[in-house]
């Protein structure tokens, strides 16, 4: 069984044109059995928040469930970016809304600039990573989500001609985060988008996954982080095969925010 729990449609500000139905049809065509729609909702300390119209999206999901429900399970998720940056706004957004699961992630640093747009040739990349881990720990302190999304996000974007971004020198910080995930029953995401970038492999790095297993981590999800119908399901088979090889027995989906094991 293939599942993709991290995808975006046209409701996300950075996605290519693609409706919920476009994504669902693409997923059906590619043999995906469980598809999660997780639009961006990003909060900032000073900048204007980016909030997808998840209510309109939910109506689209319900229509697709009626039309395609015999072929695919469609989950209504959301990706919350740095909700700790403005906890009151994040809680207002969540109030009265139900999701099958929530992905918590960090895209932007305390200056409200997405890691994608930093000029790394002018920065101390090690310091950026230290500050990023600080942000992830603040995200974990905020809580309220079921999956930690793309822990390796900064590695995707800080590649320069003469460097090789890695968490290898930061395993004390990474391990602290992994232990918190395990203690709080939050899943670690294996995000396949880095397969398409300079890393040419599914994230996170293998030694991160290995340490997670050694610490007793079992909750793990897979997602393509697709922003277009063309890329729905990309890298999912590779992600699942890799997890199997590393000794994971299951990947997880969610039912009313409760983890459900899918055997590998």
C-alpha atoms as a PDB file:
ATOM      1  CA  UNK A   1       0.000   0.000   0.000  1.00  0.00           C
ATOM      2  CA  UNK A   2       1.308   3.437  -0.970  1.00  0.00           C
ATOM      3  CA  UNK A   3       0.454   6.589   0.949  1.00  0.00           C
ATOM      4  CA  UNK A   4       1.437  10.230   0.549  1.00  0.00           C
ATOM      5  CA  UNK A   5       0.634  12.380   3.587  1.00  0.00           C
ATOM      6  CA  UNK A   6       2.264  15.661   2.519  1.00  0.00           C
ATOM      7  CA  UNK A   7       0.832  17.357  -0.580  1.00  0.00           C
ATOM      8  CA  UNK A   8      -0.293  20.835  -1.599  1.00  0.00           C
ATOM      9  CA  UNK A   9      -2.870  22.149  -4.063  1.00  0.00           C
ATOM     10  CA  UNK A  10      -3.592  25.557  -5.553  1.00  0.00           C
ATOM     11  CA  UNK A  11      -4.784  26.679  -2.112  1.00  0.00           C
ATOM     12  CA  UNK A  12      -1.145  26.826  -0.975  1.00  0.00           C
ATOM     13  CA  UNK A  13       0.584  30.080  -1.856  1.00  0.00           C
ATOM     14  CA  UNK A  14       3.650  28.388  -3.384  1.00  0.00           C
ATOM     15  CA  UNK A  15       1.915  25.588  -5.286  1.00  0.00           C
ATOM     16  CA  UNK A  16       1.473  25.313  -9.014  1.00  0.00           C
ATOM     17  CA  UNK A  17      -2.065  25.374 -10.373  1.00  0.00           C
ATOM     18  CA  UNK A  18      -3.720  22.133  -9.361  1.00  0.00           C
ATOM     19  CA  UNK A  19      -7.076  21.535  -7.734  1.00  0.00           C
ATOM     20  CA  UNK A  20      -7.828  19.039  -4.998  1.00  0.00           C
ATOM     21  CA  UNK A  21      -9.454  16.853  -7.649  1.00  0.00           C
ATOM     22  CA  UNK A  22      -6.358  17.139  -9.870  1.00  0.00           C
ATOM     23  CA  UNK A  23      -4.247  15.816  -7.009  1.00  0.00           C
ATOM     24  CA  UNK A  24      -6.713  13.051  -6.191  1.00  0.00           C
ATOM     25  CA  UNK A  25      -6.889  11.885  -9.800  1.00  0.00           C
ATOM     26  CA  UNK A  26      -3.098  11.917 -10.052  1.00  0.00           C
ATOM     27  CA  UNK A  27      -2.839   9.901  -6.849  1.00  0.00           C
ATOM     28  CA  UNK A  28      -5.339   7.314  -8.113  1.00  0.00           C
ATOM     29  CA  UNK A  29      -3.416   7.029 -11.391  1.00  0.00           C
ATOM     30  CA  UNK A  30      -0.171   6.434  -9.469  1.00  0.00           C
ATOM     31  CA  UNK A  31      -1.540   3.761  -7.170  1.00  0.00           C
ATOM     32  CA  UNK A  32      -1.713   5.859  -4.009  1.00  0.00           C
ATOM     33  CA  UNK A  33      -4.191   4.373  -1.540  1.00  0.00           C
ATOM     34  CA  UNK A  34      -4.100   7.138   1.092  1.00  0.00           C
ATOM     35  CA  UNK A  35      -3.626  10.792   0.134  1.00  0.00           C
ATOM     36  CA  UNK A  36      -3.268  13.639   2.615  1.00  0.00           C
ATOM     37  CA  UNK A  37      -3.925  17.232   1.534  1.00  0.00           C
ATOM     38  CA  UNK A  38      -1.865  19.586   3.714  1.00  0.00           C
ATOM     39  CA  UNK A  39      -2.024  23.222   2.681  1.00  0.00           C
ATOM     40  CA  UNK A  40       0.403  25.797   4.047  1.00  0.00           C
ATOM     41  CA  UNK A  41      -0.691  27.892   6.998  1.00  0.00           C
ATOM     42  CA  UNK A  42       2.333  29.898   8.128  1.00  0.00           C
ATOM     43  CA  UNK A  43       2.598  32.209  11.124  1.00  0.00           C
ATOM     44  CA  UNK A  44       5.170  34.931  11.669  1.00  0.00           C
ATOM     45  CA  UNK A  45       6.361  37.171  14.442  1.00  0.00           C
ATOM     46  CA  UNK A  46       5.871  40.432  12.556  1.00  0.00           C
ATOM     47  CA  UNK A  47       5.069  39.646   8.913  1.00  0.00           C
ATOM     48  CA  UNK A  48       1.560  38.958   7.660  1.00  0.00           C
ATOM     49  CA  UNK A  49       0.479  35.381   8.197  1.00  0.00           C
ATOM     50  CA  UNK A  50      -0.096  33.115   5.184  1.00  0.00           C
ATOM     51  CA  UNK A  51      -3.362  31.270   5.697  1.00  0.00           C
ATOM     52  CA  UNK A  52      -4.772  28.993   3.020  1.00  0.00           C
ATOM     53  CA  UNK A  53      -8.528  28.849   2.557  1.00  0.00           C
ATOM     54  CA  UNK A  54      -8.817  25.470   4.250  1.00  0.00           C
ATOM     55  CA  UNK A  55     -12.599  25.808   4.539  1.00  0.00           C
ATOM     56  CA  UNK A  56     -13.032  25.987   0.763  1.00  0.00           C
ATOM     57  CA  UNK A  57     -10.477  23.209   0.432  1.00  0.00           C
ATOM     58  CA  UNK A  58     -12.470  21.041   2.854  1.00  0.00           C
ATOM     59  CA  UNK A  59     -15.550  21.399   0.670  1.00  0.00           C
ATOM     60  CA  UNK A  60     -13.481  20.220  -2.305  1.00  0.00           C
ATOM     61  CA  UNK A  61     -12.195  17.268  -0.283  1.00  0.00           C
ATOM     62  CA  UNK A  62     -15.736  16.247   0.656  1.00  0.00           C
ATOM     63  CA  UNK A  63     -16.793  16.319  -3.002  1.00  0.00           C
ATOM     64  CA  UNK A  64     -13.807  14.176  -3.951  1.00  0.00           C
ATOM     65  CA  UNK A  65     -14.503  11.729  -1.142  1.00  0.00           C
ATOM     66  CA  UNK A  66     -17.962  11.156  -2.589  1.00  0.00           C
ATOM     67  CA  UNK A  67     -16.645  10.721  -6.117  1.00  0.00           C
ATOM     68  CA  UNK A  68     -13.416   8.792  -5.499  1.00  0.00           C
ATOM     69  CA  UNK A  69     -13.926   7.281  -2.053  1.00  0.00           C
ATOM     70  CA  UNK A  70     -14.145   3.739  -3.403  1.00  0.00           C
ATOM     71  CA  UNK A  71     -10.644   4.073  -4.890  1.00  0.00           C
ATOM     72  CA  UNK A  72      -8.685   6.203  -2.435  1.00  0.00           C
ATOM     73  CA  UNK A  73      -8.820   7.498   1.138  1.00  0.00           C
ATOM     74  CA  UNK A  74      -8.496  11.293   1.191  1.00  0.00           C
ATOM     75  CA  UNK A  75      -7.360  12.880   4.444  1.00  0.00           C
ATOM     76  CA  UNK A  76      -7.805  16.533   5.393  1.00  0.00           C
ATOM     77  CA  UNK A  77      -4.565  17.669   6.985  1.00  0.00           C
ATOM     78  CA  UNK A  78      -2.741  20.969   7.270  1.00  0.00           C
ATOM     79  CA  UNK A  79       0.891  22.074   7.472  1.00  0.00           C
ATOM     80  CA  UNK A  80       1.385  24.626  10.257  1.00  0.00           C
ATOM     81  CA  UNK A  81       4.539  26.643   9.759  1.00  0.00           C
ATOM     82  CA  UNK A  82       6.155  28.029  12.921  1.00  0.00           C
ATOM     83  CA  UNK A  83       2.907  28.442  14.948  1.00  0.00           C
ATOM     84  CA  UNK A  84       5.110  29.289  17.933  1.00  0.00           C
ATOM     85  CA  UNK A  85       5.968  32.543  16.121  1.00  0.00           C
ATOM     86  CA  UNK A  86       2.492  33.818  16.952  1.00  0.00           C
ATOM     87  CA  UNK A  87       0.742  31.353  19.275  1.00  0.00           C
ATOM     88  CA  UNK A  88      -2.442  33.410  19.654  1.00  0.00           C
ATOM     89  CA  UNK A  89      -3.000  33.617  15.901  1.00  0.00           C
ATOM     90  CA  UNK A  90      -2.252  29.920  15.509  1.00  0.00           C
ATOM     91  CA  UNK A  91      -4.732  28.972  18.217  1.00  0.00           C
ATOM     92  CA  UNK A  92      -7.394  31.207  16.664  1.00  0.00           C
ATOM     93  CA  UNK A  93      -6.898  29.452  13.345  1.00  0.00           C
ATOM     94  CA  UNK A  94      -7.183  25.999  14.891  1.00  0.00           C
ATOM     95  CA  UNK A  95     -10.230  26.806  17.030  1.00  0.00           C
ATOM     96  CA  UNK A  96     -13.323  25.087  15.686  1.00  0.00           C
ATOM     97  CA  UNK A  97     -11.517  23.324  12.855  1.00  0.00           C
ATOM     98  CA  UNK A  98     -10.963  19.582  12.739  1.00  0.00           C
ATOM     99  CA  UNK A  99      -8.143  17.932  10.849  1.00  0.00           C
ATOM    100  CA  UNK A 100      -7.263  14.289  10.359  1.00  0.00           C
ATOM    101  CA  UNK A 101      -3.718  15.280  11.324  1.00  0.00           C
ATOM    102  CA  UNK A 102      -1.456  18.316  11.517  1.00  0.00           C
ATOM    103  CA  UNK A 103       2.109  18.631  10.269  1.00  0.00           C
ATOM    104  CA  UNK A 104       4.245  21.025  12.286  1.00  0.00           C
ATOM    105  CA  UNK A 105       7.164  22.556  10.430  1.00  0.00           C
ATOM    106  CA  UNK A 106       9.686  25.374  10.410  1.00  0.00           C
ATOM    107  CA  UNK A 107      10.159  27.300   7.179  1.00  0.00           C
ATOM    108  CA  UNK A 108      11.048  30.770   8.426  1.00  0.00           C
ATOM    109  CA  UNK A 109      13.633  31.964  10.894  1.00  0.00           C
ATOM    110  CA  UNK A 110      12.971  34.573  13.629  1.00  0.00           C
ATOM    111  CA  UNK A 111      13.412  37.368  11.053  1.00  0.00           C
ATOM    112  CA  UNK A 112      10.328  35.923   9.266  1.00  0.00           C
ATOM    113  CA  UNK A 113      12.390  35.095   6.154  1.00  0.00           C
ATOM    114  CA  UNK A 114      11.937  31.608   4.734  1.00  0.00           C
ATOM    115  CA  UNK A 115      15.120  29.552   4.803  1.00  0.00           C
ATOM    116  CA  UNK A 116      14.737  29.226   1.044  1.00  0.00           C
ATOM    117  CA  UNK A 117      15.545  32.922   0.566  1.00  0.00           C
ATOM    118  CA  UNK A 118      18.589  33.360   2.811  1.00  0.00           C
ATOM    119  CA  UNK A 119      21.886  34.391   1.225  1.00  0.00           C
ATOM    120  CA  UNK A 120      23.988  31.552   2.583  1.00  0.00           C
ATOM    121  CA  UNK A 121      27.180  32.740   0.922  1.00  0.00           C
ATOM    122  CA  UNK A 122      27.048  35.667   3.390  1.00  0.00           C
ATOM    123  CA  UNK A 123      26.108  33.607   6.457  1.00  0.00           C
ATOM    124  CA  UNK A 124      27.654  31.199   8.923  1.00  0.00           C
ATOM    125  CA  UNK A 125      25.732  28.093   7.913  1.00  0.00           C
ATOM    126  CA  UNK A 126      26.538  26.290  11.170  1.00  0.00           C
ATOM    127  CA  UNK A 127      24.997  29.158  13.109  1.00  0.00           C
ATOM    128  CA  UNK A 128      21.937  29.041  10.859  1.00  0.00           C
ATOM    129  CA  UNK A 129      21.498  25.372  11.735  1.00  0.00           C
ATOM    130  CA  UNK A 130      21.858  26.062  15.446  1.00  0.00           C
ATOM    131  CA  UNK A 131      19.177  28.747  15.210  1.00  0.00           C
ATOM    132  CA  UNK A 132      17.006  26.404  13.155  1.00  0.00           C
ATOM    133  CA  UNK A 133      17.177  23.743  15.872  1.00  0.00           C
ATOM    134  CA  UNK A 134      16.176  26.417  18.395  1.00  0.00           C
ATOM    135  CA  UNK A 135      13.091  27.090  16.268  1.00  0.00           C
ATOM    136  CA  UNK A 136      12.219  23.388  16.011  1.00  0.00           C
ATOM    137  CA  UNK A 137      12.421  23.078  19.793  1.00  0.00           C
ATOM    138  CA  UNK A 138      10.082  26.053  20.168  1.00  0.00           C
ATOM    139  CA  UNK A 139       7.725  24.388  17.678  1.00  0.00           C
ATOM    140  CA  UNK A 140       7.770  21.227  19.800  1.00  0.00           C
ATOM    141  CA  UNK A 141       7.060  23.270  22.913  1.00  0.00           C
ATOM    142  CA  UNK A 142       3.976  24.736  21.178  1.00  0.00           C
ATOM    143  CA  UNK A 143       2.844  21.210  20.297  1.00  0.00           C
ATOM    144  CA  UNK A 144      -0.588  20.264  19.032  1.00  0.00           C
ATOM    145  CA  UNK A 145       0.612  18.482  15.890  1.00  0.00           C
ATOM    146  CA  UNK A 146       1.054  14.819  14.965  1.00  0.00           C
ATOM    147  CA  UNK A 147       3.960  14.937  12.492  1.00  0.00           C
ATOM    148  CA  UNK A 148       7.219  16.883  12.466  1.00  0.00           C
ATOM    149  CA  UNK A 149       7.625  17.839   8.821  1.00  0.00           C
ATOM    150  CA  UNK A 150      10.891  17.779   6.863  1.00  0.00           C
ATOM    151  CA  UNK A 151      13.327  18.115   9.773  1.00  0.00           C
ATOM    152  CA  UNK A 152      16.060  18.496   7.122  1.00  0.00           C
ATOM    153  CA  UNK A 153      14.445  21.455   5.339  1.00  0.00           C
ATOM    154  CA  UNK A 154      17.467  23.774   5.704  1.00  0.00           C
ATOM    155  CA  UNK A 155      19.773  21.205   4.110  1.00  0.00           C
ATOM    156  CA  UNK A 156      17.729  21.385   0.920  1.00  0.00           C
ATOM    157  CA  UNK A 157      18.331  25.084   0.444  1.00  0.00           C
ATOM    158  CA  UNK A 158      21.739  25.990   1.888  1.00  0.00           C
ATOM    159  CA  UNK A 159      23.870  24.163  -0.682  1.00  0.00           C
ATOM    160  CA  UNK A 160      26.716  26.248  -2.102  1.00  0.00           C
ATOM    161  CA  UNK A 161      29.374  25.213  -4.643  1.00  0.00           C
ATOM    162  CA  UNK A 162      31.931  24.492  -1.917  1.00  0.00           C
ATOM    163  CA  UNK A 163      29.872  23.094   0.965  1.00  0.00           C
ATOM    164  CA  UNK A 164      27.979  19.921   1.817  1.00  0.00           C
ATOM    165  CA  UNK A 165      25.209  20.738   4.285  1.00  0.00           C
ATOM    166  CA  UNK A 166      24.638  17.939   6.783  1.00  0.00           C
ATOM    167  CA  UNK A 167      23.383  17.286  10.301  1.00  0.00           C
ATOM    168  CA  UNK A 168      26.444  15.125  10.997  1.00  0.00           C
ATOM    169  CA  UNK A 169      28.037  17.668  13.328  1.00  0.00           C
ATOM    170  CA  UNK A 170      24.787  18.444  15.140  1.00  0.00           C
ATOM    171  CA  UNK A 171      23.600  15.081  16.366  1.00  0.00           C
ATOM    172  CA  UNK A 172      23.384  16.325  19.944  1.00  0.00           C
ATOM    173  CA  UNK A 173      20.693  18.784  18.836  1.00  0.00           C
ATOM    174  CA  UNK A 174      19.034  16.304  16.474  1.00  0.00           C
ATOM    175  CA  UNK A 175      18.939  13.601  19.143  1.00  0.00           C
ATOM    176  CA  UNK A 176      17.311  15.990  21.602  1.00  0.00           C
ATOM    177  CA  UNK A 177      14.559  16.610  19.054  1.00  0.00           C
ATOM    178  CA  UNK A 178      14.166  12.892  18.306  1.00  0.00           C
ATOM    179  CA  UNK A 179      13.828  12.080  22.003  1.00  0.00           C
ATOM    180  CA  UNK A 180      11.124  14.727  22.336  1.00  0.00           C
ATOM    181  CA  UNK A 181       9.212  13.286  19.372  1.00  0.00           C
ATOM    182  CA  UNK A 182       9.293   9.836  20.928  1.00  0.00           C
ATOM    183  CA  UNK A 183       8.264  11.075  24.360  1.00  0.00           C
ATOM    184  CA  UNK A 184       5.289  12.980  22.915  1.00  0.00           C
ATOM    185  CA  UNK A 185       4.179  10.392  20.319  1.00  0.00           C
ATOM    186  CA  UNK A 186       4.849  12.753  17.420  1.00  0.00           C
ATOM    187  CA  UNK A 187       5.786  11.115  14.125  1.00  0.00           C
ATOM    188  CA  UNK A 188       8.981  11.898  12.235  1.00  0.00           C
ATOM    189  CA  UNK A 189       8.409  12.539   8.546  1.00  0.00           C
ATOM    190  CA  UNK A 190      10.460  10.947   5.796  1.00  0.00           C
ATOM    191  CA  UNK A 191      10.104  13.663   3.176  1.00  0.00           C
ATOM    192  CA  UNK A 192      10.908  12.628  -0.385  1.00  0.00           C
ATOM    193  CA  UNK A 193      11.313  16.081  -1.923  1.00  0.00           C
ATOM    194  CA  UNK A 194      15.071  16.101  -1.326  1.00  0.00           C
ATOM    195  CA  UNK A 195      15.286  13.185  -3.772  1.00  0.00           C
ATOM    196  CA  UNK A 196      14.632  15.725  -6.509  1.00  0.00           C
ATOM    197  CA  UNK A 197      17.241  18.220  -5.262  1.00  0.00           C
ATOM    198  CA  UNK A 198      20.995  18.230  -4.824  1.00  0.00           C
ATOM    199  CA  UNK A 199      20.885  15.525  -2.141  1.00  0.00           C
ATOM    200  CA  UNK A 200      19.439  12.934  -4.554  1.00  0.00           C
ATOM    201  CA  UNK A 201      18.055  10.953  -1.632  1.00  0.00           C
ATOM    202  CA  UNK A 202      14.949  10.830   0.487  1.00  0.00           C
ATOM    203  CA  UNK A 203      15.251  12.774   3.732  1.00  0.00           C
ATOM    204  CA  UNK A 204      16.271  12.862   6.450  1.00  0.00           C
ATOM    205  CA  UNK A 205      19.835  11.586   6.333  1.00  0.00           C
ATOM    206  CA  UNK A 206      20.192   7.860   7.004  1.00  0.00           C
ATOM    207  CA  UNK A 207      22.066   8.284  10.292  1.00  0.00           C
ATOM    208  CA  UNK A 208      19.165  10.408  11.597  1.00  0.00           C
ATOM    209  CA  UNK A 209      16.681   7.637  10.824  1.00  0.00           C
ATOM    210  CA  UNK A 210      19.023   5.024  12.282  1.00  0.00           C
ATOM    211  CA  UNK A 211      19.376   6.960  15.527  1.00  0.00           C
ATOM    212  CA  UNK A 212      15.617   7.443  15.709  1.00  0.00           C
ATOM    213  CA  UNK A 213      15.185   3.656  15.523  1.00  0.00           C
ATOM    214  CA  UNK A 214      17.920   3.087  18.116  1.00  0.00           C
ATOM    215  CA  UNK A 215      16.150   5.448  20.505  1.00  0.00           C
ATOM    216  CA  UNK A 216      12.928   3.490  20.097  1.00  0.00           C
ATOM    217  CA  UNK A 217      11.249   5.681  17.508  1.00  0.00           C
ATOM    218  CA  UNK A 218       8.508   3.907  15.563  1.00  0.00           C
ATOM    219  CA  UNK A 219       6.079   6.592  14.425  1.00  0.00           C
ATOM    220  CA  UNK A 220       7.138   7.633  10.936  1.00  0.00           C
ATOM    221  CA  UNK A 221       5.271   8.989   7.926  1.00  0.00           C
ATOM    222  CA  UNK A 222       6.089   9.441   4.249  1.00  0.00           C
ATOM    223  CA  UNK A 223       5.263  12.417   2.059  1.00  0.00           C
ATOM    224  CA  UNK A 224       6.244  13.702  -1.361  1.00  0.00           C
ATOM    225  CA  UNK A 225       5.801  17.369  -0.378  1.00  0.00           C
ATOM    226  CA  UNK A 226       4.262  17.719  -3.815  1.00  0.00           C
ATOM    227  CA  UNK A 227       3.225  21.187  -4.976  1.00  0.00           C
ATOM    228  CA  UNK A 228       1.808  20.021  -8.305  1.00  0.00           C
ATOM    229  CA  UNK A 229      -0.325  17.145  -9.560  1.00  0.00           C
ATOM    230  CA  UNK A 230       2.671  16.098 -11.663  1.00  0.00           C
ATOM    231  CA  UNK A 231       4.694  15.234  -8.564  1.00  0.00           C
ATOM    232  CA  UNK A 232       2.082  13.485  -6.423  1.00  0.00           C
ATOM    233  CA  UNK A 233       3.646  10.323  -5.025  1.00  0.00           C
ATOM    234  CA  UNK A 234       7.176  11.164  -6.201  1.00  0.00           C
ATOM    235  CA  UNK A 235       9.744   9.273  -4.125  1.00  0.00           C
ATOM    236  CA  UNK A 236       7.192   7.457  -1.967  1.00  0.00           C
ATOM    237  CA  UNK A 237       8.255   3.963  -3.017  1.00  0.00           C
ATOM    238  CA  UNK A 238      11.915   4.871  -2.450  1.00  0.00           C
ATOM    239  CA  UNK A 239      11.065   6.277   0.986  1.00  0.00           C
ATOM    240  CA  UNK A 240       9.157   3.177   2.022  1.00  0.00           C
ATOM    241  CA  UNK A 241      11.824   0.818   0.694  1.00  0.00           C
ATOM    242  CA  UNK A 242      14.507   2.716   2.586  1.00  0.00           C
ATOM    243  CA  UNK A 243      12.556   2.593   5.838  1.00  0.00           C
ATOM    244  CA  UNK A 244      12.042  -1.139   5.401  1.00  0.00           C
ATOM    245  CA  UNK A 245      15.774  -1.642   4.853  1.00  0.00           C
ATOM    246  CA  UNK A 246      16.527   0.350   8.020  1.00  0.00           C
ATOM    247  CA  UNK A 247      14.326  -1.916  10.106  1.00  0.00           C
ATOM    248  CA  UNK A 248      11.084   0.007  10.351  1.00  0.00           C
ATOM    249  CA  UNK A 249       8.098  -2.323  10.340  1.00  0.00           C
ATOM    250  CA  UNK A 250       5.357   0.227   9.632  1.00  0.00           C
ATOM    251  CA  UNK A 251       4.609   3.642   8.287  1.00  0.00           C
ATOM    252  CA  UNK A 252       1.714   5.560   9.752  1.00  0.00           C
ATOM    253  CA  UNK A 253      -1.417   7.334   8.712  1.00  0.00           C
ATOM    254  CA  UNK A 254      -3.942   9.001  11.024  1.00  0.00           C
ATOM    255  CA  UNK A 255      -7.592   8.620  11.938  1.00  0.00           C
ATOM    256  CA  UNK A 256      -8.888  11.606  13.908  1.00  0.00           C
ATOM    257  CA  UNK A 257      -5.273  12.399  14.860  1.00  0.00           C
ATOM    258  CA  UNK A 258      -4.669   8.848  16.142  1.00  0.00           C
ATOM    259  CA  UNK A 259      -1.800   6.966  14.463  1.00  0.00           C
ATOM    260  CA  UNK A 260      -2.688   3.917  12.374  1.00  0.00           C
ATOM    261  CA  UNK A 261       0.061   1.493  11.348  1.00  0.00           C
ATOM    262  CA  UNK A 262       0.444   0.447   7.711  1.00  0.00           C
ATOM    263  CA  UNK A 263       2.804  -2.558   7.456  1.00  0.00           C
ATOM    264  CA  UNK A 264       5.846  -2.097   5.271  1.00  0.00           C
END
